């Protein structure tokens, strides 16, 4: 998946341009957030990312986006300041 990632306090989203997914908050999401934090210009800056993940529908009794994505791997990020590609180690 390619999209813009944002995590604020207790909610994370991935906007692909055609779909917006809630991102499952787990260790992989926290790892992505940590990588993005070093290149964000401000707390609301959405960082373009390339990830792999699994999509599922949210449970009917929960709030949030209809579709959720669980990140399985992080391929790369795009630095919004200079459009350089950053690969995690």
Protein backbone atom coordinates (compact mmCIF):
# COMPACT_ATOMS: atom_id res chain seq x y z
CA UNK A 1 0.00 0.00 0.00
CA UNK A 2 1.09 3.56 -0.67
CA UNK A 3 -0.52 6.37 1.28
CA UNK A 4 -0.13 9.19 3.75
CA UNK A 5 0.20 8.09 7.37
CA UNK A 6 -0.76 10.04 10.48
CA UNK A 7 -0.88 9.03 14.14
CA UNK A 8 -2.31 11.34 16.81
CA UNK A 9 -2.62 10.23 20.45
CA UNK A 10 -4.94 7.24 20.03
CA UNK A 11 -5.86 7.12 16.33
CA UNK A 12 -3.87 6.28 13.22
CA UNK A 13 -4.94 6.54 9.57
CA UNK A 14 -3.58 5.72 6.14
CA UNK A 15 -5.01 7.80 3.28
CA UNK A 16 -4.33 6.17 -0.09
CA UNK A 17 -6.18 8.81 -2.08
CA UNK A 18 -8.97 6.38 -2.93
CA UNK A 19 -9.54 4.88 0.52
CA UNK A 20 -8.94 5.87 4.12
CA UNK A 21 -8.03 3.08 6.52
CA UNK A 22 -7.85 3.07 10.26
CA UNK A 23 -4.47 1.62 11.21
CA UNK A 24 -4.35 -1.03 13.92
CA UNK A 25 -2.31 0.37 16.81
CA UNK A 26 0.32 -2.25 17.58
CA UNK A 27 4.12 -2.55 17.62
CA UNK A 28 4.46 -2.24 13.81
CA UNK A 29 2.34 0.92 13.78
CA UNK A 30 4.44 2.36 16.63
CA UNK A 31 7.60 1.53 14.67
CA UNK A 32 6.21 3.38 11.64
CA UNK A 33 5.23 6.33 13.81
CA UNK A 34 8.74 6.48 15.27
CA UNK A 35 10.27 6.51 11.77
CA UNK A 36 7.86 9.23 10.64
CA UNK A 37 8.44 11.38 13.73
CA UNK A 38 12.02 12.11 12.72
CA UNK A 39 10.95 13.72 9.41
CA UNK A 40 7.62 15.35 10.32
CA UNK A 41 7.52 19.15 10.07
CA UNK A 42 4.70 19.33 12.64
CA UNK A 43 2.42 16.94 14.51
CA UNK A 44 -0.27 17.04 11.79
CA UNK A 45 2.11 16.35 8.90
CA UNK A 46 1.03 13.25 6.98
CA UNK A 47 4.03 11.24 5.80
CA UNK A 48 3.91 9.31 2.50
CA UNK A 49 4.70 5.66 3.23
CA UNK A 50 4.97 2.33 1.42
CA UNK A 51 3.80 -0.54 3.62
CA UNK A 52 2.47 -4.06 3.40
CA UNK A 53 -0.56 -4.98 5.44
CA UNK A 54 -3.77 -6.90 5.80
CA UNK A 55 -7.15 -5.18 5.49
CA UNK A 56 -10.24 -6.18 7.40
CA UNK A 57 -13.60 -4.63 8.23
CA UNK A 58 -14.04 -3.08 11.66
CA UNK A 59 -16.36 -4.84 14.10
CA UNK A 60 -19.90 -3.46 13.92
CA UNK A 61 -19.88 -2.51 17.61
CA UNK A 62 -16.77 -0.31 17.37
CA UNK A 63 -16.26 3.27 16.22
CA UNK A 64 -13.82 4.31 13.54
CA UNK A 65 -13.11 3.83 9.86
CA UNK A 66 -15.02 1.02 8.13
CA UNK A 67 -11.80 -0.65 6.99
CA UNK A 68 -8.69 -1.24 9.06
CA UNK A 69 -5.20 -2.16 8.03
CA UNK A 70 -2.75 -4.14 10.13
CA UNK A 71 0.80 -3.29 9.07
CA UNK A 72 2.90 -6.38 8.38
CA UNK A 73 6.03 -4.63 7.05
CA UNK A 74 7.38 -1.15 6.37
CA UNK A 75 9.01 -0.73 2.96
CA UNK A 76 9.91 2.97 2.89
CA UNK A 77 8.93 6.56 3.69
CA UNK A 78 9.10 9.73 1.63
CA UNK A 79 10.63 12.75 3.34
CA UNK A 80 8.15 15.59 2.66
CA UNK A 81 10.91 18.22 2.88
CA UNK A 82 12.94 16.99 -0.09
CA UNK A 83 11.01 13.96 -1.48
CA UNK A 84 13.91 11.62 -0.68
CA UNK A 85 13.10 7.95 -0.07
CA UNK A 86 14.01 6.59 3.36
CA UNK A 87 14.34 2.85 3.97
CA UNK A 88 14.13 1.44 7.51
CA UNK A 89 17.13 -0.58 8.65
